[in-house]
Each structure stands twice: as C-alpha cells, then as structure tokens.
Amino acid sequence: LFTRSGITLPTREMWAQLRDDVMRYGIYNQNLQTVPPTGSISYINHATSSIHPIVAKVEIRKEGKTGRVYYPAPFMTNENLALYQDAYEIGAEKIIDTYAEATRHVDQGLSLTLFFPDTATTRDINKAQIYAWRKGIKTLYYIRLRQMALEGTEIEGCVSCAL
C-alpha cells in the first residue's frame, strides 16, 4: 500500500542519519508538537479528549442557551458499563503516569487536567504536582474537584438507565 502510494517508510539507518544531522546542524522549528485541549471538540466526534480518561460515565455539561447536555462515555453500553472508570476513580497518579509516557514523544506539552475528590486537601494536590514534575510533565492545565450535586438537580436512579 505504501509503495503504491509513493510513501517510503523510514529505516533505522534513516532515523540514525536524521538524528546525526539534527545534532550537527540543528533544526529550524524547535517546537514541532503540542496537544491542545480538546474537551469540547471531542464530544462532536464521540471520542475522549486526547489521551484523557472520561470525566464521568455520563457527563453533564452546560452549553450556553441550550442548557444541560448529557454526554455518555464513548462506546459505553450496558454490557461494558462496569469496565469504565472515570478520571476521579482512576486517580491523579495513574493519569500522570499515562501522560508522562506520552510526554516523552511531544516536545512542547500535553493539556493535562488532574481530578480529585472533594475531600482532597492542598497537600494532596501539591503532592500530585510534585509527582508530575518528577515524572517529566511539562504543564498542568487544570485541577478539578468533584463536587457533589445539589439535592434535586440531578436525575435519580442508575447511570445506565439515565439516557
């Protein structure tokens, strides 16, 4: 397929030569990759935001004049519902670990949001920030605390029955 399309896949030797050339001559564009926040656009594509975990099994967003819009996690069904963990359940450390692996391949940074339960202290958040720094994270985008809904403002019942 690649040959028919005139695409040459680089060999190890070609990568080694490129590395040597960059070390010898430099590179014109020092920053080549960054991953911007993709939260809202991901909903249109029925996808998650970049490599970010889902925020909730069914996320409730306030959209301008429309009011509340309900977004179930991409490809979630009653059969696989138990397999989904949201960002609050996964926890900051595992999210940081995932981003640290990806960050090695991006020269500017990734939009990383950390999620904490509403019981988190400033010490918990600071420990996560230090852990992220030690893992080579270049930037933290937001820190979100899960807040309990006000009584009477949410749909009662099971998540899988809500939509």
N, C-alpha and C. Protein backbone atom coordinates (compact mmCIF):
# COMPACT_ATOMS: atom_id res chain seq x y z
N LEU A 1 0.83 -1.20 0.00
CA LEU A 1 0.00 0.00 0.00
C LEU A 1 0.87 1.26 0.00
N PHE A 2 1.88 1.29 0.89
CA PHE A 2 2.74 2.47 0.95
C PHE A 2 3.55 2.63 -0.34
N THR A 3 4.07 1.53 -0.86
CA THR A 3 4.87 1.58 -2.08
C THR A 3 4.02 2.10 -3.24
N ARG A 4 2.80 1.57 -3.36
CA ARG A 4 1.91 2.02 -4.44
C ARG A 4 1.57 3.51 -4.31
N SER A 5 1.57 4.01 -3.10
CA SER A 5 1.25 5.42 -2.87
C SER A 5 2.48 6.32 -2.92
N GLY A 6 3.64 5.73 -3.16
CA GLY A 6 4.87 6.51 -3.23
C GLY A 6 5.39 6.96 -1.87
N ILE A 7 5.01 6.23 -0.83
CA ILE A 7 5.44 6.57 0.52
C ILE A 7 6.56 5.62 0.93
N THR A 8 7.68 6.19 1.36
CA THR A 8 8.80 5.39 1.83
C THR A 8 8.80 5.40 3.35
N LEU A 9 8.76 4.24 3.94
CA LEU A 9 8.84 4.15 5.40
C LEU A 9 10.29 4.27 5.81
N PRO A 10 10.58 5.12 6.80
CA PRO A 10 11.97 5.30 7.20
C PRO A 10 12.56 4.05 7.86
N THR A 11 13.80 3.79 7.55
CA THR A 11 14.51 2.66 8.14
C THR A 11 15.25 3.14 9.38
N ARG A 12 15.81 2.21 10.13
CA ARG A 12 16.61 2.59 11.31
C ARG A 12 17.80 3.45 10.89
N GLU A 13 18.39 3.12 9.76
CA GLU A 13 19.53 3.89 9.28
C GLU A 13 19.12 5.33 8.95
N MET A 14 17.94 5.48 8.35
CA MET A 14 17.46 6.83 8.02
C MET A 14 17.22 7.65 9.30
N TRP A 15 16.66 7.01 10.34
CA TRP A 15 16.44 7.71 11.61
C TRP A 15 17.78 8.08 12.25
N ALA A 16 18.75 7.19 12.17
CA ALA A 16 20.07 7.48 12.74
C ALA A 16 20.72 8.66 12.01
N GLN A 17 20.58 8.68 10.69
CA GLN A 17 21.14 9.79 9.90
C GLN A 17 20.45 11.11 10.26
N LEU A 18 19.12 11.06 10.43
CA LEU A 18 18.38 12.27 10.82
C LEU A 18 18.86 12.76 12.19
N ARG A 19 19.00 11.85 13.13
CA ARG A 19 19.49 12.23 14.46
C ARG A 19 20.85 12.91 14.36
N ASP A 20 21.75 12.31 13.58
CA ASP A 20 23.09 12.88 13.43
C ASP A 20 23.04 14.26 12.78
N ASP A 21 22.19 14.40 11.76
CA ASP A 21 22.06 15.70 11.07
C ASP A 21 21.51 16.77 12.01
N VAL A 22 20.51 16.41 12.81
CA VAL A 22 19.93 17.38 13.75
C VAL A 22 20.97 17.78 14.79
N MET A 23 21.74 16.82 15.26
CA MET A 23 22.77 17.14 16.25
C MET A 23 23.86 18.02 15.64
N ARG A 24 24.15 17.82 14.38
CA ARG A 24 25.21 18.59 13.73
C ARG A 24 24.71 19.96 13.27
N TYR A 25 23.53 20.02 12.64
CA TYR A 25 23.06 21.26 12.01
C TYR A 25 21.92 21.96 12.76
N GLY A 26 21.34 21.28 13.75
CA GLY A 26 20.19 21.86 14.45
C GLY A 26 18.90 21.61 13.67
N ILE A 27 17.86 22.26 14.12
CA ILE A 27 16.56 22.09 13.47
C ILE A 27 15.91 23.46 13.40
N TYR A 28 15.26 23.77 12.29
CA TYR A 28 14.69 25.09 12.07
C TYR A 28 13.54 25.38 13.03
N ASN A 29 12.56 24.50 13.10
CA ASN A 29 11.43 24.68 14.01
C ASN A 29 11.72 23.91 15.28
N GLN A 30 12.02 24.62 16.36
CA GLN A 30 12.39 23.90 17.57
C GLN A 30 11.21 23.18 18.20
N ASN A 31 10.00 23.72 18.05
CA ASN A 31 8.82 23.08 18.63
C ASN A 31 7.95 22.53 17.50
N LEU A 32 7.76 21.25 17.50
CA LEU A 32 7.02 20.62 16.42
C LEU A 32 5.67 20.07 16.85
N GLN A 33 5.52 19.71 18.10
CA GLN A 33 4.29 19.07 18.53
C GLN A 33 3.81 19.62 19.86
N THR A 34 2.52 19.84 19.92
CA THR A 34 1.84 20.13 21.17
C THR A 34 0.42 19.62 21.02
N VAL A 35 -0.17 19.20 22.08
CA VAL A 35 -1.54 18.70 22.02
C VAL A 35 -2.41 19.68 22.80
N PRO A 36 -3.27 20.43 22.09
CA PRO A 36 -4.10 21.43 22.76
C PRO A 36 -5.25 20.77 23.51
N PRO A 37 -5.94 21.55 24.34
CA PRO A 37 -7.14 20.99 24.98
C PRO A 37 -8.16 20.62 23.91
N THR A 38 -8.75 19.48 24.04
CA THR A 38 -9.70 19.02 23.02
C THR A 38 -11.02 18.59 23.63
N GLY A 39 -11.36 19.15 24.78
CA GLY A 39 -12.56 18.73 25.50
C GLY A 39 -13.84 18.86 24.71
N SER A 40 -14.21 20.07 24.31
CA SER A 40 -15.50 20.27 23.64
C SER A 40 -15.55 19.59 22.28
N ILE A 41 -14.48 19.67 21.52
CA ILE A 41 -14.49 19.08 20.18
C ILE A 41 -14.59 17.56 20.24
N SER A 42 -14.13 16.97 21.31
CA SER A 42 -14.19 15.51 21.41
C SER A 42 -15.64 15.02 21.47
N TYR A 43 -16.54 15.82 22.02
CA TYR A 43 -17.94 15.40 22.09
C TYR A 43 -18.55 15.29 20.71
N ILE A 44 -18.19 16.20 19.83
CA ILE A 44 -18.71 16.17 18.47
C ILE A 44 -18.27 14.90 17.76
N ASN A 45 -17.07 14.44 18.05
CA ASN A 45 -16.51 13.25 17.40
C ASN A 45 -16.80 11.96 18.16
N HIS A 46 -17.58 12.03 19.23
CA HIS A 46 -17.90 10.86 20.06
C HIS A 46 -16.61 10.15 20.47
N ALA A 47 -15.71 10.93 21.05
CA ALA A 47 -14.40 10.41 21.45
C ALA A 47 -14.04 11.01 22.81
N THR A 48 -12.98 10.48 23.39
CA THR A 48 -12.47 11.10 24.61
C THR A 48 -11.55 12.25 24.23
N SER A 49 -11.22 13.06 25.19
CA SER A 49 -10.37 14.21 24.97
C SER A 49 -8.90 13.78 24.99
N SER A 50 -8.30 13.69 23.80
CA SER A 50 -6.90 13.29 23.68
C SER A 50 -6.69 11.93 24.36
N ILE A 51 -5.70 11.81 25.23
CA ILE A 51 -5.49 10.55 25.95
C ILE A 51 -6.12 10.60 27.32
N HIS A 52 -6.92 11.61 27.54
CA HIS A 52 -7.53 11.83 28.84
C HIS A 52 -8.63 10.80 29.12
N PRO A 53 -8.74 10.36 30.36
CA PRO A 53 -9.84 9.45 30.70
C PRO A 53 -11.16 10.22 30.69
N ILE A 54 -12.25 9.48 30.67
CA ILE A 54 -13.56 10.13 30.72
C ILE A 54 -13.72 10.84 32.06
N VAL A 55 -14.46 11.92 32.07
CA VAL A 55 -14.70 12.67 33.31
C VAL A 55 -15.78 11.98 34.14
N ALA A 56 -16.77 11.42 33.47
CA ALA A 56 -17.86 10.71 34.14
C ALA A 56 -18.47 9.74 33.14
N LYS A 57 -19.13 8.72 33.65
CA LYS A 57 -19.79 7.77 32.75
C LYS A 57 -20.83 8.49 31.91
N VAL A 58 -21.55 9.39 32.53
CA VAL A 58 -22.45 10.30 31.81
C VAL A 58 -22.10 11.70 32.30
N GLU A 59 -21.49 12.47 31.41
CA GLU A 59 -21.07 13.82 31.79
C GLU A 59 -22.19 14.80 31.49
N ILE A 60 -22.40 15.71 32.41
CA ILE A 60 -23.43 16.73 32.25
C ILE A 60 -22.70 18.05 32.02
N ARG A 61 -22.97 18.66 30.86
CA ARG A 61 -22.31 19.94 30.55
C ARG A 61 -23.37 21.01 30.33
N LYS A 62 -23.04 22.22 30.74
CA LYS A 62 -23.93 23.35 30.50
C LYS A 62 -23.45 24.01 29.22
N GLU A 63 -24.31 24.04 28.23
CA GLU A 63 -23.96 24.57 26.91
C GLU A 63 -24.80 25.80 26.59
N GLY A 64 -24.28 26.96 26.88
CA GLY A 64 -24.93 28.23 26.51
C GLY A 64 -26.42 28.26 26.75
N LYS A 65 -27.17 28.63 25.71
CA LYS A 65 -28.62 28.75 25.80
C LYS A 65 -29.32 27.40 25.79
N THR A 66 -28.63 26.36 25.36
CA THR A 66 -29.22 25.03 25.29
C THR A 66 -29.53 24.49 26.67
N GLY A 67 -28.71 24.84 27.62
CA GLY A 67 -28.88 24.33 28.97
C GLY A 67 -28.03 23.09 29.17
N ARG A 68 -28.56 22.13 29.88
CA ARG A 68 -27.80 20.91 30.17
C ARG A 68 -27.82 19.97 28.97
N VAL A 69 -26.63 19.43 28.70
CA VAL A 69 -26.48 18.42 27.66
C VAL A 69 -25.81 17.22 28.31
N TYR A 70 -26.32 16.03 28.04
CA TYR A 70 -25.81 14.81 28.65
C TYR A 70 -24.98 14.06 27.63
N TYR A 71 -23.74 13.74 28.01
CA TYR A 71 -22.82 13.02 27.14
C TYR A 71 -22.42 11.70 27.79
N PRO A 72 -22.95 10.58 27.30
CA PRO A 72 -22.45 9.30 27.82
C PRO A 72 -21.04 9.05 27.29
N ALA A 73 -20.26 8.30 28.03
CA ALA A 73 -18.89 7.98 27.60
C ALA A 73 -18.94 7.29 26.23
N PRO A 74 -17.97 7.59 25.37
CA PRO A 74 -17.95 6.97 24.04
C PRO A 74 -17.98 5.45 24.11
N PHE A 75 -18.86 4.88 23.33
CA PHE A 75 -18.99 3.42 23.15
C PHE A 75 -19.40 2.68 24.42
N MET A 76 -19.90 3.39 25.40
CA MET A 76 -20.35 2.74 26.63
C MET A 76 -21.72 2.11 26.38
N THR A 77 -21.86 0.88 26.81
CA THR A 77 -23.14 0.17 26.71
C THR A 77 -23.44 -0.46 28.07
N ASN A 78 -24.64 -1.00 28.21
CA ASN A 78 -24.97 -1.69 29.45
C ASN A 78 -24.05 -2.89 29.68
N GLU A 79 -23.58 -3.50 28.59
CA GLU A 79 -22.72 -4.67 28.70
C GLU A 79 -21.32 -4.33 29.20
N ASN A 80 -20.80 -3.16 28.85
CA ASN A 80 -19.43 -2.83 29.25
C ASN A 80 -19.36 -1.71 30.30
N LEU A 81 -20.49 -1.32 30.84
CA LEU A 81 -20.55 -0.23 31.81
C LEU A 81 -19.60 -0.43 32.99
N ALA A 82 -19.50 -1.64 33.49
CA ALA A 82 -18.65 -1.92 34.66
C ALA A 82 -17.16 -1.74 34.35
N LEU A 83 -16.78 -1.75 33.08
CA LEU A 83 -15.37 -1.61 32.70
C LEU A 83 -14.90 -0.16 32.70
N TYR A 84 -15.83 0.78 32.69
CA TYR A 84 -15.48 2.19 32.61
C TYR A 84 -15.17 2.76 34.00
N GLN A 85 -14.03 3.42 34.11
CA GLN A 85 -13.68 4.18 35.31
C GLN A 85 -13.51 5.63 34.87
N ASP A 86 -14.04 6.54 35.66
CA ASP A 86 -13.85 7.94 35.30
C ASP A 86 -12.55 8.47 35.91
N ALA A 87 -12.21 9.69 35.54
CA ALA A 87 -10.93 10.27 35.96
C ALA A 87 -10.79 10.36 37.47
N TYR A 88 -11.90 10.57 38.15
CA TYR A 88 -11.85 10.66 39.62
C TYR A 88 -11.57 9.29 40.23
N GLU A 89 -12.11 8.24 39.64
CA GLU A 89 -11.89 6.88 40.14
C GLU A 89 -10.46 6.41 39.83
N ILE A 90 -9.96 6.78 38.68
CA ILE A 90 -8.61 6.37 38.27
C ILE A 90 -7.56 7.01 39.18
N GLY A 91 -7.72 8.28 39.46
CA GLY A 91 -6.80 8.97 40.36
C GLY A 91 -5.68 9.68 39.64
N ALA A 92 -5.16 10.70 40.29
CA ALA A 92 -4.15 11.58 39.69
C ALA A 92 -2.88 10.85 39.31
N GLU A 93 -2.40 9.96 40.16
CA GLU A 93 -1.10 9.32 39.90
C GLU A 93 -1.12 8.49 38.61
N LYS A 94 -2.17 7.72 38.39
CA LYS A 94 -2.24 6.90 37.17
C LYS A 94 -2.39 7.78 35.92
N ILE A 95 -3.13 8.87 36.05
CA ILE A 95 -3.27 9.79 34.92
C ILE A 95 -1.91 10.42 34.61
N ILE A 96 -1.20 10.84 35.64
CA ILE A 96 0.14 11.42 35.46
C ILE A 96 1.07 10.40 34.80
N ASP A 97 1.02 9.15 35.24
CA ASP A 97 1.87 8.11 34.65
C ASP A 97 1.60 7.96 33.15
N THR A 98 0.33 7.98 32.77
CA THR A 98 -0.04 7.86 31.35
C THR A 98 0.50 9.05 30.56
N TYR A 99 0.29 10.25 31.07
CA TYR A 99 0.77 11.44 30.38
C TYR A 99 2.29 11.50 30.34
N ALA A 100 2.95 11.01 31.37
CA ALA A 100 4.42 11.01 31.38
C ALA A 100 4.96 10.16 30.24
N GLU A 101 4.33 9.03 29.96
CA GLU A 101 4.78 8.19 28.85
C GLU A 101 4.58 8.91 27.52
N ALA A 102 3.44 9.56 27.34
CA ALA A 102 3.17 10.27 26.09
C ALA A 102 4.03 11.52 25.95
N THR A 103 4.30 12.20 27.04
CA THR A 103 5.07 13.45 27.03
C THR A 103 6.46 13.25 26.44
N ARG A 104 7.02 12.08 26.61
CA ARG A 104 8.35 11.81 26.06
C ARG A 104 8.38 11.98 24.54
N HIS A 105 7.22 11.91 23.89
CA HIS A 105 7.15 11.96 22.43
C HIS A 105 6.60 13.29 21.92
N VAL A 106 6.38 14.24 22.80
CA VAL A 106 5.83 15.55 22.43
C VAL A 106 6.77 16.61 22.98
N ASP A 107 7.28 17.49 22.11
CA ASP A 107 8.31 18.42 22.58
C ASP A 107 7.78 19.63 23.34
N GLN A 108 6.54 20.01 23.17
CA GLN A 108 6.02 21.13 23.96
C GLN A 108 5.26 20.63 25.17
N GLY A 109 4.15 20.03 24.99
CA GLY A 109 3.40 19.54 26.15
C GLY A 109 2.03 19.04 25.77
N LEU A 110 1.38 18.46 26.74
CA LEU A 110 0.02 17.96 26.60
C LEU A 110 -0.86 18.68 27.62
N SER A 111 -2.10 18.92 27.26
CA SER A 111 -3.03 19.54 28.21
C SER A 111 -3.46 18.49 29.22
N LEU A 112 -2.96 18.61 30.42
CA LEU A 112 -3.22 17.62 31.46
C LEU A 112 -4.06 18.23 32.57
N THR A 113 -5.21 17.64 32.80
CA THR A 113 -6.09 18.05 33.90
C THR A 113 -6.06 16.96 34.95
N LEU A 114 -5.93 17.36 36.20
CA LEU A 114 -5.98 16.40 37.30
C LEU A 114 -7.32 16.50 38.01
N PHE A 115 -7.81 15.36 38.45
CA PHE A 115 -9.12 15.26 39.09
C PHE A 115 -8.98 14.72 40.50
N PHE A 116 -9.65 15.37 41.44
CA PHE A 116 -9.58 14.97 42.84
C PHE A 116 -10.99 14.92 43.43
N PRO A 117 -11.18 14.07 44.44
CA PRO A 117 -12.47 14.08 45.15
C PRO A 117 -12.57 15.38 45.95
N ASP A 118 -13.79 15.72 46.35
CA ASP A 118 -13.96 16.97 47.09
C ASP A 118 -13.34 16.93 48.49
N THR A 119 -12.84 15.78 48.88
CA THR A 119 -12.16 15.66 50.17
C THR A 119 -10.66 15.94 50.07
N ALA A 120 -10.16 16.20 48.86
CA ALA A 120 -8.73 16.43 48.66
C ALA A 120 -8.29 17.69 49.39
N THR A 121 -7.08 17.64 49.90
CA THR A 121 -6.50 18.79 50.59
C THR A 121 -5.48 19.46 49.68
N THR A 122 -5.03 20.64 50.06
CA THR A 122 -3.98 21.29 49.28
C THR A 122 -2.71 20.44 49.30
N ARG A 123 -2.51 19.69 50.36
CA ARG A 123 -1.36 18.79 50.44
C ARG A 123 -1.46 17.69 49.37
N ASP A 124 -2.65 17.11 49.20
CA ASP A 124 -2.86 16.09 48.17
C ASP A 124 -2.55 16.64 46.79
N ILE A 125 -3.03 17.84 46.53
CA ILE A 125 -2.82 18.47 45.22
C ILE A 125 -1.35 18.78 45.02
N ASN A 126 -0.69 19.31 46.05
CA ASN A 126 0.73 19.63 45.95
C ASN A 126 1.57 18.37 45.73
N LYS A 127 1.23 17.28 46.40
CA LYS A 127 1.95 16.02 46.20
C LYS A 127 1.81 15.56 44.75
N ALA A 128 0.62 15.71 44.17
CA ALA A 128 0.41 15.32 42.77
C ALA A 128 1.22 16.23 41.84
N GLN A 129 1.27 17.51 42.13
CA GLN A 129 2.06 18.44 41.31
C GLN A 129 3.54 18.07 41.34
N ILE A 130 4.06 17.76 42.50
CA ILE A 130 5.46 17.36 42.62
C ILE A 130 5.70 16.04 41.90
N TYR A 131 4.78 15.09 42.04
CA TYR A 131 4.90 13.80 41.35
C TYR A 131 4.93 14.02 39.83
N ALA A 132 4.05 14.90 39.35
CA ALA A 132 4.02 15.20 37.91
C ALA A 132 5.34 15.80 37.45
N TRP A 133 5.88 16.72 38.22
CA TRP A 133 7.17 17.33 37.88
C TRP A 133 8.27 16.27 37.82
N ARG A 134 8.28 15.38 38.81
CA ARG A 134 9.31 14.33 38.84
C ARG A 134 9.17 13.37 37.66
N LYS A 135 7.96 13.19 37.17
CA LYS A 135 7.73 12.29 36.04
C LYS A 135 7.98 12.98 34.69
N GLY A 136 8.36 14.27 34.71
CA GLY A 136 8.68 14.98 33.47
C GLY A 136 7.51 15.68 32.81
N ILE A 137 6.41 15.84 33.53
CA ILE A 137 5.26 16.55 32.97
C ILE A 137 5.64 18.02 32.81
N LYS A 138 5.35 18.58 31.64
CA LYS A 138 5.77 19.94 31.34
C LYS A 138 4.75 20.99 31.77
N THR A 139 3.49 20.62 31.87
CA THR A 139 2.48 21.58 32.29
C THR A 139 1.26 20.86 32.84
N LEU A 140 0.60 21.49 33.79
CA LEU A 140 -0.70 21.03 34.28
C LEU A 140 -1.71 22.08 33.83
N TYR A 141 -2.78 21.63 33.23
CA TYR A 141 -3.74 22.55 32.63
C TYR A 141 -4.78 23.02 33.65
N TYR A 142 -5.49 22.09 34.25
CA TYR A 142 -6.49 22.40 35.27
C TYR A 142 -6.39 21.40 36.40
N ILE A 143 -6.92 21.79 37.53
CA ILE A 143 -7.13 20.87 38.65
C ILE A 143 -8.61 20.98 38.99
N ARG A 144 -9.31 19.86 38.91
CA ARG A 144 -10.75 19.86 39.16
C ARG A 144 -11.08 19.03 40.39
N LEU A 145 -12.00 19.56 41.18
CA LEU A 145 -12.51 18.84 42.35
C LEU A 145 -13.92 18.36 42.03
N ARG A 146 -14.18 17.09 42.31
CA ARG A 146 -15.54 16.57 42.11
C ARG A 146 -16.42 17.15 43.20
N GLN A 147 -17.45 17.83 42.78
CA GLN A 147 -18.37 18.42 43.74
C GLN A 147 -19.68 17.65 43.71
N MET A 148 -20.23 17.44 44.86
CA MET A 148 -21.49 16.74 44.95
C MET A 148 -22.59 17.64 44.39
N ALA A 149 -23.56 17.03 43.71
CA ALA A 149 -24.66 17.79 43.13
C ALA A 149 -25.60 18.29 44.22
N LEU A 150 -26.19 19.42 43.98
CA LEU A 150 -27.19 19.94 44.90
C LEU A 150 -28.42 19.05 44.85
N GLU A 151 -29.04 18.84 45.97
CA GLU A 151 -30.20 17.96 46.05
C GLU A 151 -31.29 18.46 45.09
N GLY A 152 -31.84 17.52 44.30
CA GLY A 152 -32.91 17.85 43.38
C GLY A 152 -32.46 18.33 42.02
N THR A 153 -31.14 18.42 41.79
CA THR A 153 -30.67 18.93 40.49
C THR A 153 -30.25 17.83 39.53
N GLU A 154 -30.19 16.60 39.98
CA GLU A 154 -29.71 15.51 39.14
C GLU A 154 -30.79 14.45 38.94
N ILE A 155 -30.62 13.65 37.91
CA ILE A 155 -31.51 12.54 37.64
C ILE A 155 -31.25 11.46 38.67
N GLU A 156 -32.28 10.98 39.31
CA GLU A 156 -32.13 9.91 40.28
C GLU A 156 -32.15 8.57 39.56
N GLY A 157 -31.50 7.57 40.10
CA GLY A 157 -31.52 6.24 39.52
C GLY A 157 -30.17 5.86 38.98
N CYS A 158 -30.13 4.70 38.33
CA CYS A 158 -28.86 4.17 37.85
C CYS A 158 -28.37 4.92 36.62
N VAL A 159 -27.07 4.95 36.45
CA VAL A 159 -26.46 5.66 35.33
C VAL A 159 -26.89 5.07 34.00
N SER A 160 -26.94 3.74 33.91
CA SER A 160 -27.26 3.12 32.62
C SER A 160 -28.70 3.36 32.21
N CYS A 161 -29.57 3.73 33.15
CA CYS A 161 -30.97 4.00 32.82
C CYS A 161 -31.21 5.47 32.52
N ALA A 162 -30.22 6.31 32.78
CA ALA A 162 -30.41 7.75 32.70
C ALA A 162 -30.61 8.25 31.28
N LEU A 163 -30.05 7.58 30.29
CA LEU A 163 -30.17 8.04 28.91
C LEU A 163 -30.83 7.01 28.04
